[in-house]
Amino acid sequence: MGNNMLKAKSRNVFRKKGDILNTNNLKAVHIETFYPPLKSSKKVSVCRCWKSFNFPYCDNTHQKLQQQGVVCGPLLLEILIFQNG
């Protein structure tokens, strides 16, 4: 009975250190043209953990990795209004 209490609880590990990130064979290069916004700036979050269901855009799936101690997060881009003058 006491031995059962000593057993470590198994947990699902989302990713281990050193594992290949791109396990879904997603395209490594994405090219997208963003034109300067006319009225306000535009912010885009780009996935860096390769686990997003909306890849190449971040959908916060990296939070599962952060709970396991993996330091990762999205690349945040801000496209600003271009003003002549």
PDB file of N, CA and C in Angstrom:
ATOM      1  N   MET A   1       0.817  -1.192   0.000  1.00  0.00           N
ATOM      2  CA  MET A   1       0.000   0.000   0.000  1.00  0.00           C
ATOM      3  C   MET A   1       0.857   1.250   0.000  1.00  0.00           C
ATOM      4  N   GLY A   2       1.906   1.276   0.810  1.00  0.00           N
ATOM      5  CA  GLY A   2       2.788   2.432   0.858  1.00  0.00           C
ATOM      6  C   GLY A   2       3.584   2.606  -0.422  1.00  0.00           C
ATOM      7  N   ASN A   3       3.893   1.490  -1.100  1.00  0.00           N
ATOM      8  CA  ASN A   3       4.651   1.577  -2.348  1.00  0.00           C
ATOM      9  C   ASN A   3       3.885   2.318  -3.428  1.00  0.00           C
ATOM     10  N   ASN A   4       2.570   2.190  -3.425  1.00  0.00           N
ATOM     11  CA  ASN A   4       1.767   2.888  -4.426  1.00  0.00           C
ATOM     12  C   ASN A   4       1.891   4.397  -4.277  1.00  0.00           C
ATOM     13  N   MET A   5       2.078   4.856  -3.057  1.00  0.00           N
ATOM     14  CA  MET A   5       2.191   6.292  -2.828  1.00  0.00           C
ATOM     15  C   MET A   5       3.543   6.821  -3.293  1.00  0.00           C
ATOM     16  N   LEU A   6       4.557   5.938  -3.332  1.00  0.00           N
ATOM     17  CA  LEU A   6       5.892   6.363  -3.726  1.00  0.00           C
ATOM     18  C   LEU A   6       6.069   6.431  -5.236  1.00  0.00           C
ATOM     19  N   LYS A   7       5.204   5.773  -5.971  1.00  0.00           N
ATOM     20  CA  LYS A   7       5.327   5.780  -7.428  1.00  0.00           C
ATOM     21  C   LYS A   7       5.071   7.179  -7.964  1.00  0.00           C
ATOM     22  N   ALA A   8       5.921   7.595  -8.862  1.00  0.00           N
ATOM     23  CA  ALA A   8       5.753   8.920  -9.474  1.00  0.00           C
ATOM     24  C   ALA A   8       4.565   8.893 -10.418  1.00  0.00           C
ATOM     25  N   LYS A   9       3.827   9.952 -10.386  1.00  0.00           N
ATOM     26  CA  LYS A   9       2.698  10.060 -11.305  1.00  0.00           C
ATOM     27  C   LYS A   9       3.223  10.275 -12.715  1.00  0.00           C
ATOM     28  N   SER A  10       2.699   9.508 -13.656  1.00  0.00           N
ATOM     29  CA  SER A  10       3.102   9.716 -15.042  1.00  0.00           C
ATOM     30  C   SER A  10       2.297  10.872 -15.611  1.00  0.00           C
ATOM     31  N   ARG A  11       2.941  11.666 -16.410  1.00  0.00           N
ATOM     32  CA  ARG A  11       2.247  12.773 -17.050  1.00  0.00           C
ATOM     33  C   ARG A  11       2.632  12.794 -18.519  1.00  0.00           C
ATOM     34  N   ASN A  12       1.741  13.279 -19.317  1.00  0.00           N
ATOM     35  CA  ASN A  12       2.015  13.397 -20.742  1.00  0.00           C
ATOM     36  C   ASN A  12       2.996  14.529 -20.951  1.00  0.00           C
ATOM     37  N   VAL A  13       4.068  14.235 -21.637  1.00  0.00           N
ATOM     38  CA  VAL A  13       5.073  15.251 -21.920  1.00  0.00           C
ATOM     39  C   VAL A  13       4.858  15.719 -23.343  1.00  0.00           C
ATOM     40  N   PHE A  14       4.635  17.005 -23.488  1.00  0.00           N
ATOM     41  CA  PHE A  14       4.375  17.594 -24.791  1.00  0.00           C
ATOM     42  C   PHE A  14       5.630  17.573 -25.654  1.00  0.00           C
ATOM     43  N   ARG A  15       6.772  17.831 -25.046  1.00  0.00           N
ATOM     44  CA  ARG A  15       8.042  17.867 -25.767  1.00  0.00           C
ATOM     45  C   ARG A  15       9.171  17.694 -24.774  1.00  0.00           C
ATOM     46  N   LYS A  16      10.200  16.959 -25.163  1.00  0.00           N
ATOM     47  CA  LYS A  16      11.386  16.798 -24.327  1.00  0.00           C
ATOM     48  C   LYS A  16      12.516  17.652 -24.880  1.00  0.00           C
ATOM     49  N   LYS A  17      13.438  18.028 -24.020  1.00  0.00           N
ATOM     50  CA  LYS A  17      14.579  18.837 -24.432  1.00  0.00           C
ATOM     51  C   LYS A  17      15.358  18.090 -25.512  1.00  0.00           C
ATOM     52  N   GLY A  18      15.654  18.788 -26.596  1.00  0.00           N
ATOM     53  CA  GLY A  18      16.416  18.205 -27.692  1.00  0.00           C
ATOM     54  C   GLY A  18      15.567  17.569 -28.784  1.00  0.00           C
ATOM     55  N   ASP A  19      14.265  17.417 -28.548  1.00  0.00           N
ATOM     56  CA  ASP A  19      13.385  16.855 -29.574  1.00  0.00           C
ATOM     57  C   ASP A  19      13.286  17.796 -30.773  1.00  0.00           C
ATOM     58  N   ILE A  20      13.036  17.222 -31.931  1.00  0.00           N
ATOM     59  CA  ILE A  20      12.810  18.020 -33.130  1.00  0.00           C
ATOM     60  C   ILE A  20      11.497  18.768 -32.958  1.00  0.00           C
ATOM     61  N   LEU A  21      11.510  20.044 -33.263  1.00  0.00           N
ATOM     62  CA  LEU A  21      10.317  20.865 -33.069  1.00  0.00           C
ATOM     63  C   LEU A  21       9.285  20.645 -34.169  1.00  0.00           C
ATOM     64  N   ASN A  22       9.728  20.569 -35.402  1.00  0.00           N
ATOM     65  CA  ASN A  22       8.805  20.469 -36.537  1.00  0.00           C
ATOM     66  C   ASN A  22       8.438  19.008 -36.782  1.00  0.00           C
ATOM     67  N   THR A  23       7.603  18.445 -35.922  1.00  0.00           N
ATOM     68  CA  THR A  23       7.218  17.034 -36.050  1.00  0.00           C
ATOM     69  C   THR A  23       6.072  16.824 -37.028  1.00  0.00           C
ATOM     70  N   ASN A  24       5.422  17.892 -37.448  1.00  0.00           N
ATOM     71  CA  ASN A  24       4.297  17.787 -38.380  1.00  0.00           C
ATOM     72  C   ASN A  24       4.701  18.064 -39.822  1.00  0.00           C
ATOM     73  N   ASN A  25       6.005  18.167 -40.088  1.00  0.00           N
ATOM     74  CA  ASN A  25       6.535  18.447 -41.425  1.00  0.00           C
ATOM     75  C   ASN A  25       5.914  19.698 -42.042  1.00  0.00           C
ATOM     76  N   LEU A  26       5.794  20.738 -41.239  1.00  0.00           N
ATOM     77  CA  LEU A  26       5.286  22.017 -41.732  1.00  0.00           C
ATOM     78  C   LEU A  26       6.349  22.691 -42.587  1.00  0.00           C
ATOM     79  N   LYS A  27       5.922  23.539 -43.508  1.00  0.00           N
ATOM     80  CA  LYS A  27       6.877  24.265 -44.341  1.00  0.00           C
ATOM     81  C   LYS A  27       7.749  25.140 -43.448  1.00  0.00           C
ATOM     82  N   ALA A  28       9.054  25.084 -43.645  1.00  0.00           N
ATOM     83  CA  ALA A  28       9.977  25.853 -42.813  1.00  0.00           C
ATOM     84  C   ALA A  28      10.015  27.320 -43.213  1.00  0.00           C
ATOM     85  N   VAL A  29       9.669  27.617 -44.457  1.00  0.00           N
ATOM     86  CA  VAL A  29       9.716  28.998 -44.934  1.00  0.00           C
ATOM     87  C   VAL A  29       8.318  29.413 -45.383  1.00  0.00           C
ATOM     88  N   HIS A  30       7.877  30.537 -44.874  1.00  0.00           N
ATOM     89  CA  HIS A  30       6.590  31.116 -45.273  1.00  0.00           C
ATOM     90  C   HIS A  30       6.854  32.531 -45.747  1.00  0.00           C
ATOM     91  N   ILE A  31       6.322  32.856 -46.896  1.00  0.00           N
ATOM     92  CA  ILE A  31       6.474  34.208 -47.428  1.00  0.00           C
ATOM     93  C   ILE A  31       5.095  34.829 -47.514  1.00  0.00           C
ATOM     94  N   GLU A  32       4.953  35.970 -46.885  1.00  0.00           N
ATOM     95  CA  GLU A  32       3.683  36.681 -46.922  1.00  0.00           C
ATOM     96  C   GLU A  32       3.984  38.168 -47.002  1.00  0.00           C
ATOM     97  N   THR A  33       3.294  38.841 -47.875  1.00  0.00           N
ATOM     98  CA  THR A  33       3.494  40.278 -48.049  1.00  0.00           C
ATOM     99  C   THR A  33       2.493  41.031 -47.193  1.00  0.00           C
ATOM    100  N   PHE A  34       3.012  41.937 -46.380  1.00  0.00           N
ATOM    101  CA  PHE A  34       2.164  42.809 -45.573  1.00  0.00           C
ATOM    102  C   PHE A  34       2.327  44.223 -46.101  1.00  0.00           C
ATOM    103  N   TYR A  35       1.245  44.824 -46.484  1.00  0.00           N
ATOM    104  CA  TYR A  35       1.290  46.199 -46.952  1.00  0.00           C
ATOM    105  C   TYR A  35       1.076  47.130 -45.765  1.00  0.00           C
ATOM    106  N   PRO A  36       1.682  48.298 -45.799  1.00  0.00           N
ATOM    107  CA  PRO A  36       1.508  49.226 -44.678  1.00  0.00           C
ATOM    108  C   PRO A  36       0.031  49.538 -44.465  1.00  0.00           C
ATOM    109  N   PRO A  37      -0.425  49.474 -43.230  1.00  0.00           N
ATOM    110  CA  PRO A  37      -1.827  49.787 -42.958  1.00  0.00           C
ATOM    111  C   PRO A  37      -2.122  51.257 -43.212  1.00  0.00           C
ATOM    112  N   LEU A  38      -3.346  51.550 -43.569  1.00  0.00           N
ATOM    113  CA  LEU A  38      -3.719  52.922 -43.891  1.00  0.00           C
ATOM    114  C   LEU A  38      -4.131  53.726 -42.661  1.00  0.00           C
ATOM    115  N   LYS A  39      -4.759  53.079 -41.689  1.00  0.00           N
ATOM    116  CA  LYS A  39      -5.314  53.831 -40.568  1.00  0.00           C
ATOM    117  C   LYS A  39      -4.614  53.565 -39.242  1.00  0.00           C
ATOM    118  N   SER A  40      -4.216  52.337 -38.983  1.00  0.00           N
ATOM    119  CA  SER A  40      -3.576  52.030 -37.704  1.00  0.00           C
ATOM    120  C   SER A  40      -2.548  50.924 -37.904  1.00  0.00           C
ATOM    121  N   SER A  41      -1.676  50.768 -36.926  1.00  0.00           N
ATOM    122  CA  SER A  41      -0.662  49.730 -37.030  1.00  0.00           C
ATOM    123  C   SER A  41      -1.311  48.352 -36.888  1.00  0.00           C
ATOM    124  N   LYS A  42      -0.602  47.333 -37.343  1.00  0.00           N
ATOM    125  CA  LYS A  42      -1.110  45.969 -37.300  1.00  0.00           C
ATOM    126  C   LYS A  42      -0.102  45.109 -36.550  1.00  0.00           C
ATOM    127  N   LYS A  43      -0.577  44.272 -35.634  1.00  0.00           N
ATOM    128  CA  LYS A  43       0.293  43.381 -34.873  1.00  0.00           C
ATOM    129  C   LYS A  43       0.025  41.940 -35.284  1.00  0.00           C
ATOM    130  N   VAL A  44       1.107  41.172 -35.440  1.00  0.00           N
ATOM    131  CA  VAL A  44       1.017  39.778 -35.858  1.00  0.00           C
ATOM    132  C   VAL A  44       1.883  38.943 -34.917  1.00  0.00           C
ATOM    133  N   SER A  45       1.356  37.818 -34.432  1.00  0.00           N
ATOM    134  CA  SER A  45       2.117  36.880 -33.604  1.00  0.00           C
ATOM    135  C   SER A  45       2.464  35.664 -34.452  1.00  0.00           C
ATOM    136  N   VAL A  46       3.760  35.385 -34.591  1.00  0.00           N
ATOM    137  CA  VAL A  46       4.232  34.278 -35.417  1.00  0.00           C
ATOM    138  C   VAL A  46       4.716  33.149 -34.503  1.00  0.00           C
ATOM    139  N   CYS A  47       4.288  31.925 -34.783  1.00  0.00           N
ATOM    140  CA  CYS A  47       4.621  30.756 -33.967  1.00  0.00           C
ATOM    141  C   CYS A  47       6.108  30.417 -34.072  1.00  0.00           C
ATOM    142  N   ARG A  48       6.734  30.112 -32.919  1.00  0.00           N
ATOM    143  CA  ARG A  48       8.116  29.643 -32.905  1.00  0.00           C
ATOM    144  C   ARG A  48       8.247  28.255 -32.295  1.00  0.00           C
ATOM    145  N   CYS A  49       7.139  27.688 -31.797  1.00  0.00           N
ATOM    146  CA  CYS A  49       7.215  26.365 -31.169  1.00  0.00           C
ATOM    147  C   CYS A  49       6.847  25.239 -32.141  1.00  0.00           C
ATOM    148  N   TRP A  50       6.348  25.554 -33.304  1.00  0.00           N
ATOM    149  CA  TRP A  50       5.958  24.615 -34.362  1.00  0.00           C
ATOM    150  C   TRP A  50       4.747  23.771 -33.978  1.00  0.00           C
ATOM    151  N   LYS A  51       4.007  24.121 -32.958  1.00  0.00           N
ATOM    152  CA  LYS A  51       2.870  23.312 -32.513  1.00  0.00           C
ATOM    153  C   LYS A  51       1.526  23.973 -32.776  1.00  0.00           C
ATOM    154  N   SER A  52       1.519  25.186 -33.293  1.00  0.00           N
ATOM    155  CA  SER A  52       0.285  25.934 -33.512  1.00  0.00           C
ATOM    156  C   SER A  52      -0.606  25.230 -34.532  1.00  0.00           C
ATOM    157  N   PHE A  53      -1.903  25.191 -34.244  1.00  0.00           N
ATOM    158  CA  PHE A  53      -2.863  24.637 -35.199  1.00  0.00           C
ATOM    159  C   PHE A  53      -3.195  25.651 -36.283  1.00  0.00           C
ATOM    160  N   ASN A  54      -2.690  26.866 -36.132  1.00  0.00           N
ATOM    161  CA  ASN A  54      -2.909  27.946 -37.095  1.00  0.00           C
ATOM    162  C   ASN A  54      -1.561  28.390 -37.674  1.00  0.00           C
ATOM    163  N   PHE A  55      -0.602  27.455 -37.769  1.00  0.00           N
ATOM    164  CA  PHE A  55       0.756  27.766 -38.203  1.00  0.00           C
ATOM    165  C   PHE A  55       0.736  28.421 -39.581  1.00  0.00           C
ATOM    166  N   PRO A  56       1.496  29.471 -39.830  1.00  0.00           N
ATOM    167  CA  PRO A  56       2.613  30.014 -39.073  1.00  0.00           C
ATOM    168  C   PRO A  56       2.228  31.040 -38.008  1.00  0.00           C
ATOM    169  N   TYR A  57       0.940  31.243 -37.784  1.00  0.00           N
ATOM    170  CA  TYR A  57       0.519  32.214 -36.774  1.00  0.00           C
ATOM    171  C   TYR A  57       0.368  31.525 -35.419  1.00  0.00           C
ATOM    172  N   CYS A  58       0.648  32.246 -34.358  1.00  0.00           N
ATOM    173  CA  CYS A  58       0.577  31.715 -32.997  1.00  0.00           C
ATOM    174  C   CYS A  58      -0.874  31.579 -32.545  1.00  0.00           C
ATOM    175  N   ASP A  59      -1.178  30.449 -31.896  1.00  0.00           N
ATOM    176  CA  ASP A  59      -2.501  30.264 -31.281  1.00  0.00           C
ATOM    177  C   ASP A  59      -2.371  29.948 -29.783  1.00  0.00           C
ATOM    178  N   ASN A  60      -1.227  30.280 -29.198  1.00  0.00           N
ATOM    179  CA  ASN A  60      -0.907  30.099 -27.774  1.00  0.00           C
ATOM    180  C   ASN A  60      -0.725  28.643 -27.362  1.00  0.00           C
ATOM    181  N   THR A  61      -0.490  27.737 -28.305  1.00  0.00           N
ATOM    182  CA  THR A  61      -0.198  26.347 -27.967  1.00  0.00           C
ATOM    183  C   THR A  61       1.107  26.242 -27.192  1.00  0.00           C
ATOM    184  N   HIS A  62       2.005  27.210 -27.352  1.00  0.00           N
ATOM    185  CA  HIS A  62       3.286  27.202 -26.649  1.00  0.00           C
ATOM    186  C   HIS A  62       3.117  27.225 -25.132  1.00  0.00           C
ATOM    187  N   GLN A  63       1.951  27.599 -24.643  1.00  0.00           N
ATOM    188  CA  GLN A  63       1.725  27.635 -23.195  1.00  0.00           C
ATOM    189  C   GLN A  63       1.838  26.243 -22.575  1.00  0.00           C
ATOM    190  N   LYS A  64       1.514  25.191 -23.337  1.00  0.00           N
ATOM    191  CA  LYS A  64       1.697  23.823 -22.842  1.00  0.00           C
ATOM    192  C   LYS A  64       3.176  23.536 -22.633  1.00  0.00           C
ATOM    193  N   LEU A  65       4.013  24.022 -23.541  1.00  0.00           N
ATOM    194  CA  LEU A  65       5.455  23.840 -23.395  1.00  0.00           C
ATOM    195  C   LEU A  65       5.983  24.635 -22.207  1.00  0.00           C
ATOM    196  N   GLN A  66       5.480  25.843 -22.010  1.00  0.00           N
ATOM    197  CA  GLN A  66       5.925  26.669 -20.894  1.00  0.00           C
ATOM    198  C   GLN A  66       5.598  26.012 -19.561  1.00  0.00           C
ATOM    199  N   GLN A  67       4.489  25.300 -19.472  1.00  0.00           N
ATOM    200  CA  GLN A  67       4.128  24.598 -18.240  1.00  0.00           C
ATOM    201  C   GLN A  67       5.112  23.481 -17.927  1.00  0.00           C
ATOM    202  N   GLN A  68       5.815  22.994 -18.941  1.00  0.00           N
ATOM    203  CA  GLN A  68       6.819  21.955 -18.750  1.00  0.00           C
ATOM    204  C   GLN A  68       8.211  22.536 -18.549  1.00  0.00           C
ATOM    205  N   GLY A  69       8.312  23.848 -18.528  1.00  0.00           N
ATOM    206  CA  GLY A  69       9.599  24.487 -18.302  1.00  0.00           C
ATOM    207  C   GLY A  69      10.361  24.838 -19.563  1.00  0.00           C
ATOM    208  N   VAL A  70       9.770  24.629 -20.726  1.00  0.00           N
ATOM    209  CA  VAL A  70      10.419  24.987 -21.988  1.00  0.00           C
ATOM    210  C   VAL A  70      10.195  26.475 -22.228  1.00  0.00           C
ATOM    211  N   VAL A  71      11.283  27.198 -22.414  1.00  0.00           N
ATOM    212  CA  VAL A  71      11.183  28.636 -22.627  1.00  0.00           C
ATOM    213  C   VAL A  71      10.931  28.888 -24.110  1.00  0.00           C
ATOM    214  N   CYS A  72       9.741  29.313 -24.436  1.00  0.00           N
ATOM    215  CA  CYS A  72       9.398  29.619 -25.819  1.00  0.00           C
ATOM    216  C   CYS A  72       8.216  30.570 -25.838  1.00  0.00           C
ATOM    217  N   GLY A  73       8.028  31.177 -26.948  1.00  0.00           N
ATOM    218  CA  GLY A  73       6.919  32.102 -27.123  1.00  0.00           C
ATOM    219  C   GLY A  73       6.906  32.589 -28.556  1.00  0.00           C
ATOM    220  N   PRO A  74       5.909  33.348 -28.920  1.00  0.00           N
ATOM    221  CA  PRO A  74       5.790  33.789 -30.306  1.00  0.00           C
ATOM    222  C   PRO A  74       6.733  34.940 -30.635  1.00  0.00           C
ATOM    223  N   LEU A  75       6.930  35.133 -31.918  1.00  0.00           N
ATOM    224  CA  LEU A  75       7.609  36.319 -32.427  1.00  0.00           C
ATOM    225  C   LEU A  75       6.524  37.355 -32.662  1.00  0.00           C
ATOM    226  N   LEU A  76       6.654  38.506 -32.040  1.00  0.00           N
ATOM    227  CA  LEU A  76       5.646  39.555 -32.171  1.00  0.00           C
ATOM    228  C   LEU A  76       6.120  40.594 -33.174  1.00  0.00           C
ATOM    229  N   LEU A  77       5.332  40.805 -34.217  1.00  0.00           N
ATOM    230  CA  LEU A  77       5.652  41.795 -35.244  1.00  0.00           C
ATOM    231  C   LEU A  77       4.641  42.921 -35.174  1.00  0.00           C
ATOM    232  N   GLU A  78       5.114  44.140 -35.352  1.00  0.00           N
ATOM    233  CA  GLU A  78       4.209  45.276 -35.443  1.00  0.00           C
ATOM    234  C   GLU A  78       4.502  46.001 -36.742  1.00  0.00           C
ATOM    235  N   ILE A  79       3.496  46.110 -37.579  1.00  0.00           N
ATOM    236  CA  ILE A  79       3.627  46.793 -38.860  1.00  0.00           C
ATOM    237  C   ILE A  79       3.073  48.195 -38.658  1.00  0.00           C
ATOM    238  N   LEU A  80       3.950  49.171 -38.771  1.00  0.00           N
ATOM    239  CA  LEU A  80       3.586  50.554 -38.475  1.00  0.00           C
ATOM    240  C   LEU A  80       3.130  51.298 -39.720  1.00  0.00           C
ATOM    241  N   ILE A  81       2.389  52.357 -39.498  1.00  0.00           N
ATOM    242  CA  ILE A  81       1.956  53.237 -40.579  1.00  0.00           C
ATOM    243  C   ILE A  81       3.179  53.986 -41.098  1.00  0.00           C
ATOM    244  N   PHE A  82       3.329  54.013 -42.407  1.00  0.00           N
ATOM    245  CA  PHE A  82       4.419  54.771 -43.013  1.00  0.00           C
ATOM    246  C   PHE A  82       3.908  56.160 -43.360  1.00  0.00           C
ATOM    247  N   GLN A  83       4.615  57.154 -42.868  1.00  0.00           N
ATOM    248  CA  GLN A  83       4.191  58.529 -43.126  1.00  0.00           C
ATOM    249  C   GLN A  83       5.278  59.262 -43.896  1.00  0.00           C
ATOM    250  N   ASN A  84       4.913  59.825 -45.027  1.00  0.00           N
ATOM    251  CA  ASN A  84       5.853  60.641 -45.803  1.00  0.00           C
ATOM    252  C   ASN A  84       5.939  62.021 -45.174  1.00  0.00           C
ATOM    253  N   GLY A  85       7.132  62.566 -45.183  1.00  0.00           N
ATOM    254  CA  GLY A  85       7.214  63.943 -44.733  1.00  0.00           C
ATOM    255  C   GLY A  85       8.119  64.093 -43.634  1.00  0.00           C
TER     256      GLY A  85
END
